[in-house]
Amino acid sequence: MKQYREQAVSPVVGVMLMLVVTIIIAAVVSGFSGGMMKGQTKAPQATIQGSFSVTSGLQITHAGGDAIPTSGMVITVKNGPTFGPNLEAMSTTTLNLANLTNSAGTPVAFFNPTTNNIDGYNITSFNPGDTLYMNITNCNPMLFQPAVASHHGSYTYDGTHWSFEDPKDSFWALDFVNPNNVGKQFYMDVNDKTSGALISRAVVTITG
């Protein structure tokens, strides 16, 4: 007499279906993750150094790493702890790339005063070994550090140094061009515009 075991087929089919569904889900998740990874642009990795003199201005040097597209580069400066506690957030200022030049004096970017925006770039890439400059004449705190620039008087450049009409003004005490701040330090951050990721931070000591 034959014995039929048809009931054993059902669990086997069920297990196989579960395996198929699991494989399909894994493939979908893998494909989605791969697409996400491809869609994300990795921020450049670089070492950026800075120096600042109250008589010659700011120098920004690419000391090594990836080339950085200037259109995707954001440079900010902020007062460090030597100026006083808890000043970083309120003193953060983004540099206008149109005020930076290469060694030949070519501005990094075109600035349109009508739209108050960058319209294009003369220098498209900040490469290892390159140095960018902000001449001391462009370091008027009203443009260079508007976050801490004083509106209670006027700044004057005498061909050597910047000065302020009230030397005891609290904002003048925070300006990098103030000769009394020689020896103090500020932070200079370079960030990736797209992701906001920090590419490099330099601690810059003010010199005479």
Protein backbone atom coordinates (compact mmCIF):
# COMPACT_ATOMS: atom_id res chain seq x y z
CA MET A 1 0.00 0.00 0.00
CA LYS A 2 1.46 3.37 -1.08
CA GLN A 3 1.81 6.15 1.41
CA TYR A 4 1.59 9.75 0.14
CA ARG A 5 3.53 12.50 1.87
CA GLU A 6 2.16 15.49 0.02
CA GLN A 7 2.00 17.42 3.26
CA ALA A 8 5.84 17.61 3.28
CA VAL A 9 5.90 19.64 0.07
CA SER A 10 4.24 22.71 1.59
CA PRO A 11 6.99 23.54 4.17
CA VAL A 12 9.72 23.09 1.54
CA VAL A 13 7.97 25.46 -0.88
CA GLY A 14 7.44 27.95 1.94
CA VAL A 15 11.14 27.94 2.86
CA MET A 16 12.13 28.41 -0.79
CA LEU A 17 9.73 31.31 -1.17
CA MET A 18 11.17 32.95 1.95
CA LEU A 19 14.69 32.57 0.58
CA VAL A 20 13.65 34.13 -2.74
CA VAL A 21 11.97 37.06 -0.99
CA THR A 22 15.03 37.57 1.24
CA ILE A 23 17.38 37.59 -1.77
CA ILE A 24 15.16 40.09 -3.59
CA ILE A 25 15.03 42.40 -0.56
CA ALA A 26 18.82 42.18 -0.13
CA ALA A 27 19.33 43.03 -3.81
CA VAL A 28 17.02 46.04 -3.58
CA VAL A 29 18.69 47.35 -0.42
CA SER A 30 22.15 46.82 -1.92
CA GLY A 31 21.20 48.64 -5.11
CA PHE A 32 19.66 51.53 -3.18
CA SER A 33 22.73 51.86 -0.94
CA GLY A 34 25.04 51.76 -3.93
CA GLY A 35 23.04 54.50 -5.61
CA MET A 36 23.21 56.62 -2.49
CA MET A 37 26.99 56.19 -2.26
CA LYS A 38 27.44 57.13 -5.91
CA GLY A 39 25.24 60.18 -5.45
CA GLN A 40 27.33 61.50 -2.59
CA THR A 41 30.41 63.53 -3.51
CA LYS A 42 33.32 62.99 -1.17
CA ALA A 43 34.71 66.22 0.26
CA PRO A 44 38.37 66.94 -0.59
CA GLN A 45 40.99 66.14 2.02
CA ALA A 46 43.74 68.73 2.38
CA THR A 47 46.01 70.58 4.79
CA ILE A 48 45.55 74.34 4.60
CA GLN A 49 47.85 76.67 6.51
CA GLY A 50 47.52 80.39 7.17
CA SER A 51 49.56 83.36 8.27
CA PHE A 52 48.49 86.92 9.04
CA SER A 53 50.45 90.12 9.47
CA VAL A 54 48.98 93.46 10.53
CA THR A 55 51.19 95.12 7.89
CA SER A 56 50.92 92.71 4.94
CA GLY A 57 47.63 90.80 5.34
CA LEU A 58 46.54 87.18 5.03
CA GLN A 59 48.23 84.26 3.28
CA ILE A 60 46.48 80.93 2.74
CA THR A 61 48.71 78.03 1.64
CA HIS A 62 47.66 74.62 0.34
CA ALA A 63 50.25 72.45 2.09
CA GLY A 64 49.15 69.09 0.64
CA GLY A 65 46.28 66.78 -0.18
CA ASP A 66 43.53 67.05 -2.78
CA ALA A 67 43.03 69.95 -5.14
CA ILE A 68 40.00 71.99 -4.05
CA PRO A 69 37.58 73.48 -6.61
CA THR A 70 37.34 77.16 -5.72
CA SER A 71 33.63 77.17 -6.58
CA GLY A 72 33.10 74.56 -3.85
CA MET A 73 35.35 76.17 -1.23
CA VAL A 74 34.15 78.21 1.75
CA ILE A 75 36.75 79.95 3.93
CA THR A 76 35.74 81.36 7.30
CA VAL A 77 37.67 83.12 10.05
CA LYS A 78 36.74 83.47 13.71
CA ASN A 79 38.34 84.85 16.85
CA GLY A 80 40.13 82.29 19.00
CA PRO A 81 40.18 82.03 22.82
CA THR A 82 43.10 84.48 23.11
CA PHE A 83 40.62 87.25 22.23
CA GLY A 84 38.26 86.19 25.00
CA PRO A 85 35.89 83.30 25.82
CA ASN A 86 32.94 82.19 23.70
CA LEU A 87 33.61 84.44 20.73
CA GLU A 88 33.79 81.80 17.99
CA ALA A 89 30.11 81.75 17.02
CA MET A 90 29.48 85.50 17.05
CA SER A 91 32.72 86.37 15.22
CA THR A 92 32.52 83.87 12.33
CA THR A 93 32.90 85.58 8.96
CA THR A 94 32.99 84.06 5.47
CA LEU A 95 35.72 85.51 3.28
CA ASN A 96 34.80 86.99 -0.08
CA LEU A 97 36.91 85.02 -2.58
CA ALA A 98 36.97 88.06 -4.86
CA ASN A 99 39.26 89.71 -2.28
CA LEU A 100 41.77 86.85 -2.56
CA THR A 101 44.40 86.72 -5.30
CA ASN A 102 47.11 84.36 -6.49
CA SER A 103 50.80 85.28 -6.55
CA ALA A 104 50.29 87.12 -9.86
CA GLY A 105 47.60 89.33 -8.33
CA THR A 106 44.71 87.67 -10.18
CA PRO A 107 41.49 87.66 -8.10
CA VAL A 108 40.11 84.21 -7.39
CA ALA A 109 36.57 85.24 -8.30
CA PHE A 110 34.42 87.90 -9.97
CA PHE A 111 32.18 89.75 -7.50
CA ASN A 112 29.03 91.43 -8.78
CA PRO A 113 28.17 94.34 -6.45
CA THR A 114 24.70 94.62 -7.98
CA THR A 115 23.67 91.10 -7.05
CA ASN A 116 26.13 90.88 -4.13
CA ASN A 117 27.20 87.47 -5.43
CA ILE A 118 30.14 85.72 -7.06
CA ASP A 119 29.57 85.65 -10.83
CA GLY A 120 32.50 83.47 -11.90
CA TYR A 121 36.03 82.34 -11.17
CA ASN A 122 39.41 83.34 -12.62
CA ILE A 123 41.07 80.56 -10.61
CA THR A 124 39.10 77.33 -10.71
CA SER A 125 41.23 75.15 -8.44
CA PHE A 126 43.27 75.60 -5.25
CA ASN A 127 46.10 73.11 -5.70
CA PRO A 128 48.86 71.71 -3.46
CA GLY A 129 51.69 74.24 -3.30
CA ASP A 130 49.44 77.21 -4.17
CA THR A 131 49.15 80.29 -1.97
CA LEU A 132 46.30 82.79 -1.95
CA TYR A 133 46.70 86.32 -0.63
CA MET A 134 44.47 88.99 0.88
CA ASN A 135 46.39 92.24 0.70
CA ILE A 136 46.32 94.34 3.86
CA THR A 137 44.41 97.04 1.96
CA ASN A 138 41.55 94.54 1.57
CA CYS A 139 41.60 93.81 5.30
CA ASN A 140 39.38 96.73 6.29
CA PRO A 141 37.42 95.12 9.15
CA MET A 142 34.16 96.34 7.59
CA LEU A 143 34.83 93.89 4.73
CA PHE A 144 37.23 91.41 6.31
CA GLN A 145 35.47 90.93 9.68
CA PRO A 146 31.99 92.46 9.39
CA ALA A 147 30.73 90.22 12.21
CA VAL A 148 32.88 92.14 14.72
CA ALA A 149 33.53 95.42 12.87
CA SER A 150 32.56 98.53 14.79
CA HIS A 151 29.86 100.84 13.46
CA HIS A 152 30.63 103.49 16.08
CA GLY A 153 33.41 105.14 14.13
CA SER A 154 35.65 104.85 11.08
CA TYR A 155 38.66 102.76 10.16
CA THR A 156 41.72 104.36 8.57
CA TYR A 157 44.65 102.83 6.67
CA ASP A 158 47.80 104.97 6.68
CA GLY A 159 49.76 102.88 4.18
CA THR A 160 51.27 100.70 6.92
CA HIS A 161 48.62 99.91 9.53
CA TRP A 162 44.88 100.06 10.06
CA SER A 163 43.64 102.16 12.96
CA PHE A 164 40.31 103.09 14.54
CA GLU A 165 39.30 106.50 15.81
CA ASP A 166 38.46 105.13 19.27
CA PRO A 167 41.30 102.83 20.39
CA LYS A 168 39.24 101.70 23.39
CA ASP A 169 36.30 100.52 21.28
CA SER A 170 35.38 96.93 22.24
CA PHE A 171 35.01 95.86 18.62
CA TRP A 172 38.39 97.31 17.64
CA ALA A 173 39.83 94.99 20.30
CA LEU A 174 38.54 92.02 18.25
CA ASP A 175 39.92 93.13 14.87
CA PHE A 176 42.83 91.11 13.51
CA VAL A 177 44.42 94.25 12.01
CA ASN A 178 44.69 95.90 15.43
CA PRO A 179 48.46 96.07 16.20
CA ASN A 180 47.66 95.39 19.86
CA ASN A 181 46.53 91.89 18.84
CA VAL A 182 49.96 90.74 17.65
CA GLY A 183 50.58 87.33 19.23
CA LYS A 184 46.90 86.43 19.47
CA GLN A 185 45.36 83.64 17.39
CA PHE A 186 42.32 83.10 15.22
CA TYR A 187 40.83 80.09 13.46
CA MET A 188 40.64 79.75 9.71
CA ASP A 189 38.36 76.96 8.46
CA VAL A 190 38.08 75.68 4.91
CA ASN A 191 34.82 73.82 4.27
CA ASP A 192 33.27 71.97 1.35
CA LYS A 193 30.33 74.06 0.13
CA THR A 194 28.19 71.08 -0.97
CA SER A 195 28.44 68.87 2.11
CA GLY A 196 29.49 71.45 4.68
CA ALA A 197 32.29 69.08 5.74
CA LEU A 198 35.42 70.60 7.25
CA ILE A 199 38.36 70.20 4.88
CA SER A 200 40.96 71.84 7.11
CA ARG A 201 41.34 74.11 10.15
CA ALA A 202 44.35 76.32 10.72
CA VAL A 203 45.24 78.18 13.90
CA VAL A 204 46.72 81.48 12.72
CA THR A 205 49.00 83.60 14.91
CA ILE A 206 48.90 87.33 14.22
CA THR A 207 52.31 88.86 13.56
CA GLY A 208 53.58 92.42 13.19
